[in-house]
């Protein structure tokens, strides 16, 4: 999250090279182990996009049943928000699975909605052709908009 808040060029949407990012994180006071975990998380996101989540899902034909450990870490509000994003076309089933995968990889017992929104933003940022969905999520995060579930 820190990388997206402090290192992403808001005009171009480009991140600096990894060596520059590592130096920035080090200067900001992050420990070496934390920096390594952050880059491992981002690398796993890139690898999952390329390999794990292919065309297994047909659009609008899948229903997600959450495993017990997912239900514990992603509360009802988080799951409802993801469903809302799917229904509005911001997330497709493949991106939903990437979001769940990356959220579950975080080192916290529970993921709250603000954390989940950042994970969604990072997943969409790393997906080609998701510019409209990414813009919607950026507005939601940075402009303080709130999505209402009815």
N, C-alpha and C. Protein backbone atom coordinates (compact mmCIF):
# COMPACT_ATOMS: atom_id res chain seq x y z
N UNK A 1 0.82 -1.19 0.00
CA UNK A 1 0.00 0.00 0.00
C UNK A 1 0.86 1.24 0.00
N UNK A 2 1.93 1.20 0.76
CA UNK A 2 2.83 2.35 0.83
C UNK A 2 3.38 2.68 -0.56
N UNK A 3 3.76 1.66 -1.32
CA UNK A 3 4.29 1.89 -2.67
C UNK A 3 3.29 2.63 -3.55
N UNK A 4 2.03 2.22 -3.50
CA UNK A 4 1.02 2.87 -4.32
C UNK A 4 0.73 4.29 -3.86
N UNK A 5 0.77 4.51 -2.56
CA UNK A 5 0.49 5.85 -2.04
C UNK A 5 1.64 6.82 -2.30
N UNK A 6 2.89 6.33 -2.23
CA UNK A 6 4.03 7.23 -2.24
C UNK A 6 4.93 7.14 -3.47
N UNK A 7 4.86 6.08 -4.23
CA UNK A 7 5.82 5.88 -5.31
C UNK A 7 5.20 5.87 -6.71
N UNK A 8 3.92 5.64 -6.80
CA UNK A 8 3.26 5.58 -8.09
C UNK A 8 3.14 6.98 -8.68
N UNK A 9 3.59 7.14 -9.91
CA UNK A 9 3.45 8.42 -10.60
C UNK A 9 1.98 8.58 -10.98
N UNK A 10 1.30 9.51 -10.35
CA UNK A 10 -0.15 9.65 -10.54
C UNK A 10 -0.52 10.07 -11.96
N UNK A 11 0.39 10.74 -12.66
CA UNK A 11 0.08 11.17 -14.02
C UNK A 11 0.26 10.05 -15.04
N UNK A 12 1.30 9.26 -14.87
CA UNK A 12 1.59 8.21 -15.87
C UNK A 12 1.14 6.83 -15.40
N UNK A 13 0.91 6.65 -14.09
CA UNK A 13 0.55 5.34 -13.57
C UNK A 13 1.70 4.35 -13.59
N UNK A 14 2.92 4.88 -13.58
CA UNK A 14 4.11 4.03 -13.67
C UNK A 14 4.85 4.02 -12.33
N UNK A 15 5.33 2.84 -11.97
CA UNK A 15 6.17 2.68 -10.78
C UNK A 15 7.63 2.78 -11.20
N UNK A 16 8.48 3.33 -10.34
CA UNK A 16 9.92 3.33 -10.64
C UNK A 16 10.46 1.89 -10.66
N UNK A 17 11.70 1.76 -11.12
CA UNK A 17 12.34 0.45 -11.15
C UNK A 17 12.45 -0.12 -9.74
N UNK A 18 12.58 -1.46 -9.67
CA UNK A 18 12.61 -2.14 -8.38
C UNK A 18 13.73 -1.63 -7.48
N UNK A 19 14.91 -1.39 -8.04
CA UNK A 19 16.04 -0.94 -7.21
C UNK A 19 15.73 0.42 -6.58
N UNK A 20 15.08 1.29 -7.31
CA UNK A 20 14.70 2.60 -6.78
C UNK A 20 13.65 2.45 -5.69
N UNK A 21 12.68 1.56 -5.94
CA UNK A 21 11.64 1.32 -4.94
C UNK A 21 12.24 0.75 -3.65
N UNK A 22 13.16 -0.20 -3.80
CA UNK A 22 13.80 -0.78 -2.61
C UNK A 22 14.53 0.30 -1.81
N UNK A 23 15.25 1.18 -2.51
CA UNK A 23 15.95 2.26 -1.83
C UNK A 23 15.00 3.21 -1.12
N UNK A 24 13.88 3.51 -1.78
CA UNK A 24 12.87 4.38 -1.19
C UNK A 24 12.28 3.75 0.08
N UNK A 25 11.97 2.47 0.02
CA UNK A 25 11.42 1.78 1.19
C UNK A 25 12.43 1.73 2.32
N UNK A 26 13.68 1.50 1.98
CA UNK A 26 14.74 1.46 2.99
C UNK A 26 14.87 2.83 3.67
N UNK A 27 14.87 3.89 2.86
CA UNK A 27 14.96 5.25 3.41
C UNK A 27 13.75 5.60 4.26
N UNK A 28 12.59 5.03 3.92
CA UNK A 28 11.37 5.30 4.68
C UNK A 28 11.34 4.54 6.01
N UNK A 29 12.33 3.65 6.23
CA UNK A 29 12.42 2.97 7.52
C UNK A 29 11.89 1.55 7.54
N UNK A 30 11.51 1.02 6.37
CA UNK A 30 11.05 -0.37 6.35
C UNK A 30 12.25 -1.30 6.52
N UNK A 31 12.05 -2.37 7.26
CA UNK A 31 13.11 -3.34 7.47
C UNK A 31 13.27 -4.21 6.23
N UNK A 32 14.46 -4.76 6.07
CA UNK A 32 14.78 -5.58 4.90
C UNK A 32 13.77 -6.71 4.71
N UNK A 33 13.39 -7.37 5.79
CA UNK A 33 12.45 -8.49 5.72
C UNK A 33 11.08 -8.02 5.20
N UNK A 34 10.62 -6.86 5.65
CA UNK A 34 9.35 -6.32 5.18
C UNK A 34 9.41 -5.99 3.69
N UNK A 35 10.53 -5.43 3.25
CA UNK A 35 10.70 -5.09 1.84
C UNK A 35 10.68 -6.35 0.99
N UNK A 36 11.36 -7.38 1.44
CA UNK A 36 11.38 -8.64 0.69
C UNK A 36 9.98 -9.25 0.60
N UNK A 37 9.23 -9.19 1.68
CA UNK A 37 7.86 -9.71 1.67
C UNK A 37 6.98 -8.94 0.70
N UNK A 38 7.15 -7.63 0.67
CA UNK A 38 6.33 -6.80 -0.24
C UNK A 38 6.61 -7.17 -1.69
N UNK A 39 7.88 -7.33 -2.04
CA UNK A 39 8.21 -7.67 -3.42
C UNK A 39 7.83 -9.11 -3.75
N UNK A 40 7.89 -10.00 -2.77
CA UNK A 40 7.43 -11.38 -3.00
C UNK A 40 5.93 -11.39 -3.26
N UNK A 41 5.18 -10.56 -2.53
CA UNK A 41 3.73 -10.46 -2.72
C UNK A 41 3.41 -9.95 -4.11
N UNK A 42 4.12 -8.90 -4.54
CA UNK A 42 3.90 -8.35 -5.88
C UNK A 42 4.31 -9.34 -6.97
N UNK A 43 5.40 -10.05 -6.75
CA UNK A 43 5.84 -11.05 -7.73
C UNK A 43 4.82 -12.19 -7.84
N UNK A 44 4.26 -12.60 -6.71
CA UNK A 44 3.23 -13.65 -6.74
C UNK A 44 2.00 -13.17 -7.49
N UNK A 45 1.67 -11.89 -7.37
CA UNK A 45 0.55 -11.33 -8.12
C UNK A 45 0.82 -11.42 -9.61
N UNK A 46 2.00 -11.04 -10.02
CA UNK A 46 2.36 -11.10 -11.44
C UNK A 46 2.36 -12.54 -11.95
N UNK A 47 2.89 -13.45 -11.15
CA UNK A 47 2.93 -14.85 -11.57
C UNK A 47 1.54 -15.47 -11.62
N UNK A 48 0.69 -15.12 -10.67
CA UNK A 48 -0.69 -15.65 -10.66
C UNK A 48 -1.43 -15.19 -11.90
N UNK A 49 -1.24 -13.96 -12.26
CA UNK A 49 -1.91 -13.43 -13.45
C UNK A 49 -1.50 -14.20 -14.69
N UNK A 50 -0.24 -14.55 -14.77
CA UNK A 50 0.27 -15.21 -15.96
C UNK A 50 -0.05 -16.70 -15.99
N UNK A 51 -0.15 -17.35 -14.83
CA UNK A 51 -0.20 -18.81 -14.83
C UNK A 51 -1.43 -19.43 -14.18
N UNK A 52 -1.80 -18.99 -13.01
CA UNK A 52 -2.79 -19.71 -12.23
C UNK A 52 -4.23 -19.46 -12.66
N UNK A 53 -4.55 -18.24 -13.01
CA UNK A 53 -5.93 -17.88 -13.25
C UNK A 53 -6.14 -17.61 -14.73
N UNK A 54 -6.35 -18.66 -15.47
CA UNK A 54 -6.55 -18.52 -16.90
C UNK A 54 -8.03 -18.42 -17.22
N UNK A 55 -8.48 -19.02 -18.24
CA UNK A 55 -9.88 -18.90 -18.67
C UNK A 55 -10.77 -19.98 -18.06
N UNK A 56 -10.63 -20.23 -16.76
CA UNK A 56 -11.43 -21.26 -16.11
C UNK A 56 -12.86 -20.81 -15.86
N UNK A 57 -13.11 -19.53 -15.90
CA UNK A 57 -14.42 -19.02 -15.54
C UNK A 57 -15.14 -18.48 -16.76
N UNK A 58 -16.39 -18.78 -16.85
CA UNK A 58 -17.23 -18.15 -17.87
C UNK A 58 -17.86 -16.92 -17.22
N UNK A 59 -17.85 -15.84 -17.97
CA UNK A 59 -18.41 -14.59 -17.43
C UNK A 59 -19.86 -14.80 -17.02
N UNK A 60 -20.20 -14.28 -15.84
CA UNK A 60 -21.56 -14.31 -15.30
C UNK A 60 -22.10 -15.72 -15.07
N UNK A 61 -21.25 -16.73 -15.03
CA UNK A 61 -21.75 -18.08 -14.84
C UNK A 61 -21.14 -18.76 -13.63
N UNK A 62 -20.32 -18.05 -12.87
CA UNK A 62 -19.71 -18.68 -11.70
C UNK A 62 -20.28 -18.08 -10.42
N UNK A 63 -20.34 -18.90 -9.41
CA UNK A 63 -20.78 -18.47 -8.08
C UNK A 63 -19.63 -18.80 -7.14
N UNK A 64 -19.26 -17.87 -6.32
CA UNK A 64 -18.13 -18.06 -5.42
C UNK A 64 -18.62 -18.50 -4.06
N UNK A 65 -18.18 -19.67 -3.63
CA UNK A 65 -18.43 -20.16 -2.28
C UNK A 65 -17.11 -20.01 -1.53
N UNK A 66 -17.12 -19.25 -0.45
CA UNK A 66 -15.89 -18.98 0.29
C UNK A 66 -15.57 -20.11 1.25
N UNK A 67 -14.31 -20.51 1.29
CA UNK A 67 -13.83 -21.51 2.25
C UNK A 67 -13.90 -20.91 3.65
N UNK A 68 -13.88 -21.78 4.66
CA UNK A 68 -14.01 -21.34 6.04
C UNK A 68 -12.93 -20.32 6.41
N UNK A 69 -11.67 -20.59 6.03
CA UNK A 69 -10.60 -19.65 6.38
C UNK A 69 -10.75 -18.32 5.64
N UNK A 70 -11.31 -18.34 4.44
CA UNK A 70 -11.58 -17.10 3.72
C UNK A 70 -12.68 -16.30 4.43
N UNK A 71 -13.69 -16.98 4.92
CA UNK A 71 -14.78 -16.30 5.63
C UNK A 71 -14.29 -15.66 6.92
N UNK A 72 -13.31 -16.29 7.56
CA UNK A 72 -12.77 -15.73 8.80
C UNK A 72 -11.97 -14.48 8.50
N UNK A 73 -11.15 -14.51 7.48
CA UNK A 73 -10.25 -13.39 7.18
C UNK A 73 -10.93 -12.28 6.37
N UNK A 74 -11.89 -12.65 5.52
CA UNK A 74 -12.64 -11.67 4.73
C UNK A 74 -14.06 -11.63 5.28
N UNK A 75 -14.36 -10.63 6.07
CA UNK A 75 -15.67 -10.59 6.71
C UNK A 75 -16.79 -10.35 5.69
N UNK A 76 -18.00 -10.33 6.19
CA UNK A 76 -19.18 -10.18 5.33
C UNK A 76 -19.13 -8.89 4.51
N UNK A 77 -18.65 -7.82 5.12
CA UNK A 77 -18.55 -6.55 4.42
C UNK A 77 -17.60 -6.66 3.22
N UNK A 78 -16.46 -7.31 3.41
CA UNK A 78 -15.49 -7.49 2.31
C UNK A 78 -16.07 -8.37 1.21
N UNK A 79 -16.68 -9.46 1.59
CA UNK A 79 -17.27 -10.37 0.59
C UNK A 79 -18.40 -9.67 -0.16
N UNK A 80 -19.22 -8.91 0.55
CA UNK A 80 -20.30 -8.18 -0.09
C UNK A 80 -19.78 -7.12 -1.05
N UNK A 81 -18.69 -6.46 -0.66
CA UNK A 81 -18.11 -5.44 -1.53
C UNK A 81 -17.59 -6.08 -2.82
N UNK A 82 -16.94 -7.23 -2.70
CA UNK A 82 -16.45 -7.91 -3.91
C UNK A 82 -17.61 -8.34 -4.80
N UNK A 83 -18.69 -8.81 -4.20
CA UNK A 83 -19.85 -9.18 -4.99
C UNK A 83 -20.43 -7.96 -5.70
N UNK A 84 -20.50 -6.84 -4.98
CA UNK A 84 -20.96 -5.59 -5.58
C UNK A 84 -20.09 -5.22 -6.78
N UNK A 85 -18.78 -5.33 -6.64
CA UNK A 85 -17.87 -4.99 -7.73
C UNK A 85 -18.05 -5.93 -8.92
N UNK A 86 -18.33 -7.18 -8.65
CA UNK A 86 -18.61 -8.12 -9.75
C UNK A 86 -19.90 -7.75 -10.46
N UNK A 87 -20.92 -7.45 -9.70
CA UNK A 87 -22.21 -7.13 -10.28
C UNK A 87 -22.17 -5.85 -11.11
N UNK A 88 -21.29 -4.93 -10.74
CA UNK A 88 -21.19 -3.67 -11.48
C UNK A 88 -20.15 -3.75 -12.60
N UNK A 89 -19.48 -4.88 -12.73
CA UNK A 89 -18.53 -5.07 -13.82
C UNK A 89 -17.12 -4.58 -13.54
N UNK A 90 -16.85 -4.17 -12.31
CA UNK A 90 -15.50 -3.72 -11.96
C UNK A 90 -14.56 -4.92 -11.84
N UNK A 91 -15.04 -5.99 -11.24
CA UNK A 91 -14.27 -7.23 -11.12
C UNK A 91 -14.92 -8.31 -11.95
N UNK A 92 -14.10 -9.06 -12.67
CA UNK A 92 -14.60 -10.26 -13.31
C UNK A 92 -14.20 -11.44 -12.42
N UNK A 93 -14.69 -12.65 -12.70
CA UNK A 93 -14.36 -13.78 -11.83
C UNK A 93 -12.86 -14.05 -11.70
N UNK A 94 -12.10 -13.86 -12.76
CA UNK A 94 -10.65 -14.09 -12.68
C UNK A 94 -10.01 -13.08 -11.75
N UNK A 95 -10.34 -11.81 -11.90
CA UNK A 95 -9.78 -10.79 -11.02
C UNK A 95 -10.25 -10.96 -9.58
N UNK A 96 -11.48 -11.41 -9.40
CA UNK A 96 -11.98 -11.69 -8.04
C UNK A 96 -11.09 -12.73 -7.38
N UNK A 97 -10.75 -13.78 -8.11
CA UNK A 97 -9.89 -14.83 -7.54
C UNK A 97 -8.50 -14.31 -7.25
N UNK A 98 -7.98 -13.44 -8.10
CA UNK A 98 -6.69 -12.82 -7.81
C UNK A 98 -6.75 -11.97 -6.54
N UNK A 99 -7.84 -11.24 -6.38
CA UNK A 99 -8.01 -10.42 -5.18
C UNK A 99 -8.04 -11.31 -3.94
N UNK A 100 -8.82 -12.36 -3.98
CA UNK A 100 -8.91 -13.27 -2.83
C UNK A 100 -7.55 -13.89 -2.54
N UNK A 101 -6.87 -14.34 -3.58
CA UNK A 101 -5.55 -14.96 -3.42
C UNK A 101 -4.57 -13.99 -2.76
N UNK A 102 -4.52 -12.76 -3.24
CA UNK A 102 -3.57 -11.78 -2.70
C UNK A 102 -3.99 -11.30 -1.32
N UNK A 103 -5.29 -11.20 -1.06
CA UNK A 103 -5.75 -10.81 0.29
C UNK A 103 -5.38 -11.90 1.30
N UNK A 104 -5.57 -13.14 0.92
CA UNK A 104 -5.24 -14.25 1.82
C UNK A 104 -3.74 -14.34 2.07
N UNK A 105 -2.93 -13.80 1.17
CA UNK A 105 -1.48 -13.83 1.33
C UNK A 105 -0.97 -12.75 2.28
N UNK A 106 -1.83 -11.81 2.66
CA UNK A 106 -1.43 -10.78 3.62
C UNK A 106 -1.22 -11.40 4.98
N UNK A 107 -0.32 -10.83 5.76
CA UNK A 107 -0.02 -11.37 7.08
C UNK A 107 -0.87 -10.71 8.16
N UNK A 108 -2.17 -10.84 8.04
CA UNK A 108 -3.05 -10.31 9.09
C UNK A 108 -4.17 -11.32 9.30
N UNK A 109 -4.65 -11.37 10.54
CA UNK A 109 -5.69 -12.33 10.88
C UNK A 109 -7.01 -11.99 10.20
N UNK A 110 -7.30 -10.70 10.08
CA UNK A 110 -8.51 -10.24 9.42
C UNK A 110 -8.15 -9.14 8.44
N UNK A 111 -8.81 -9.13 7.32
CA UNK A 111 -8.62 -8.09 6.33
C UNK A 111 -9.84 -7.19 6.38
N UNK A 112 -9.62 -5.91 6.64
CA UNK A 112 -10.76 -4.99 6.69
C UNK A 112 -11.01 -4.42 5.30
N UNK A 113 -12.10 -3.70 5.15
CA UNK A 113 -12.50 -3.19 3.85
C UNK A 113 -11.47 -2.23 3.25
N UNK A 114 -10.90 -1.30 4.02
CA UNK A 114 -9.87 -0.45 3.42
C UNK A 114 -8.67 -1.24 2.88
N UNK A 115 -8.23 -2.28 3.60
CA UNK A 115 -7.14 -3.11 3.10
C UNK A 115 -7.55 -3.82 1.82
N UNK A 116 -8.76 -4.36 1.81
CA UNK A 116 -9.24 -5.06 0.63
C UNK A 116 -9.31 -4.13 -0.58
N UNK A 117 -9.73 -2.90 -0.37
CA UNK A 117 -9.79 -1.95 -1.48
C UNK A 117 -8.41 -1.72 -2.07
N UNK A 118 -7.39 -1.67 -1.22
CA UNK A 118 -6.03 -1.52 -1.73
C UNK A 118 -5.60 -2.75 -2.52
N UNK A 119 -5.95 -3.92 -2.03
CA UNK A 119 -5.61 -5.15 -2.76
C UNK A 119 -6.28 -5.13 -4.13
N UNK A 120 -7.54 -4.75 -4.16
CA UNK A 120 -8.27 -4.68 -5.44
C UNK A 120 -7.58 -3.70 -6.38
N UNK A 121 -7.20 -2.54 -5.84
CA UNK A 121 -6.51 -1.55 -6.66
C UNK A 121 -5.21 -2.13 -7.24
N UNK A 122 -4.45 -2.82 -6.42
CA UNK A 122 -3.18 -3.38 -6.89
C UNK A 122 -3.40 -4.47 -7.94
N UNK A 123 -4.42 -5.29 -7.74
CA UNK A 123 -4.72 -6.33 -8.73
C UNK A 123 -5.11 -5.69 -10.06
N UNK A 124 -6.01 -4.72 -10.01
CA UNK A 124 -6.46 -4.07 -11.25
C UNK A 124 -5.32 -3.32 -11.93
N UNK A 125 -4.43 -2.73 -11.14
CA UNK A 125 -3.28 -2.02 -11.69
C UNK A 125 -2.40 -2.96 -12.51
N UNK A 126 -2.32 -4.21 -12.07
CA UNK A 126 -1.46 -5.19 -12.73
C UNK A 126 -2.15 -5.95 -13.85
N UNK A 127 -3.38 -5.60 -14.18
CA UNK A 127 -4.13 -6.30 -15.21
C UNK A 127 -4.25 -5.43 -16.46
N UNK A 128 -3.80 -5.94 -17.60
CA UNK A 128 -3.98 -5.17 -18.83
C UNK A 128 -5.46 -5.06 -19.18
N UNK A 129 -5.85 -3.93 -19.73
CA UNK A 129 -7.22 -3.74 -20.17
C UNK A 129 -8.21 -3.42 -19.07
N UNK A 130 -7.75 -3.10 -17.88
CA UNK A 130 -8.64 -2.82 -16.75
C UNK A 130 -8.63 -1.35 -16.36
N UNK A 131 -8.36 -0.48 -17.31
CA UNK A 131 -8.20 0.93 -17.00
C UNK A 131 -9.46 1.55 -16.40
N UNK A 132 -10.62 1.24 -16.94
CA UNK A 132 -11.87 1.82 -16.42
C UNK A 132 -12.13 1.35 -14.99
N UNK A 133 -11.94 0.06 -14.74
CA UNK A 133 -12.15 -0.48 -13.39
C UNK A 133 -11.12 0.12 -12.43
N UNK A 134 -9.89 0.26 -12.88
CA UNK A 134 -8.84 0.84 -12.05
C UNK A 134 -9.19 2.29 -11.71
N UNK A 135 -9.65 3.05 -12.69
CA UNK A 135 -10.03 4.45 -12.45
C UNK A 135 -11.16 4.53 -11.42
N UNK A 136 -12.12 3.63 -11.51
CA UNK A 136 -13.24 3.62 -10.57
C UNK A 136 -12.72 3.35 -9.15
N UNK A 137 -11.83 2.38 -9.01
CA UNK A 137 -11.29 2.06 -7.69
C UNK A 137 -10.42 3.18 -7.16
N UNK A 138 -9.64 3.83 -8.03
CA UNK A 138 -8.83 4.96 -7.59
C UNK A 138 -9.72 6.07 -7.06
N UNK A 139 -10.80 6.36 -7.76
CA UNK A 139 -11.74 7.38 -7.28
C UNK A 139 -12.30 6.98 -5.91
N UNK A 140 -12.62 5.73 -5.77
CA UNK A 140 -13.19 5.24 -4.51
C UNK A 140 -12.20 5.40 -3.36
N UNK A 141 -10.94 5.11 -3.62
CA UNK A 141 -9.93 5.20 -2.57
C UNK A 141 -9.47 6.62 -2.32
N UNK A 142 -9.15 7.34 -3.38
CA UNK A 142 -8.48 8.63 -3.22
C UNK A 142 -9.42 9.79 -3.05
N UNK A 143 -10.62 9.70 -3.54
CA UNK A 143 -11.56 10.81 -3.44
C UNK A 143 -12.55 10.65 -2.31
N UNK A 144 -12.44 9.53 -1.58
CA UNK A 144 -13.31 9.33 -0.43
C UNK A 144 -14.74 8.98 -0.79
N UNK A 145 -14.96 8.58 -2.04
CA UNK A 145 -16.31 8.17 -2.41
C UNK A 145 -16.65 6.90 -1.63
N UNK A 146 -17.93 6.64 -1.49
CA UNK A 146 -18.32 5.40 -0.85
C UNK A 146 -19.35 4.70 -1.72
N UNK A 147 -19.14 3.42 -1.88
CA UNK A 147 -20.11 2.61 -2.64
C UNK A 147 -21.14 2.10 -1.65
N UNK A 148 -22.40 2.24 -2.00
CA UNK A 148 -23.47 1.79 -1.12
C UNK A 148 -24.06 0.51 -1.66
N UNK A 149 -24.14 -0.47 -0.79
CA UNK A 149 -24.78 -1.73 -1.16
C UNK A 149 -26.24 -1.65 -0.74
N UNK A 150 -27.11 -2.03 -1.64
CA UNK A 150 -28.55 -1.96 -1.35
C UNK A 150 -29.11 -3.35 -1.25
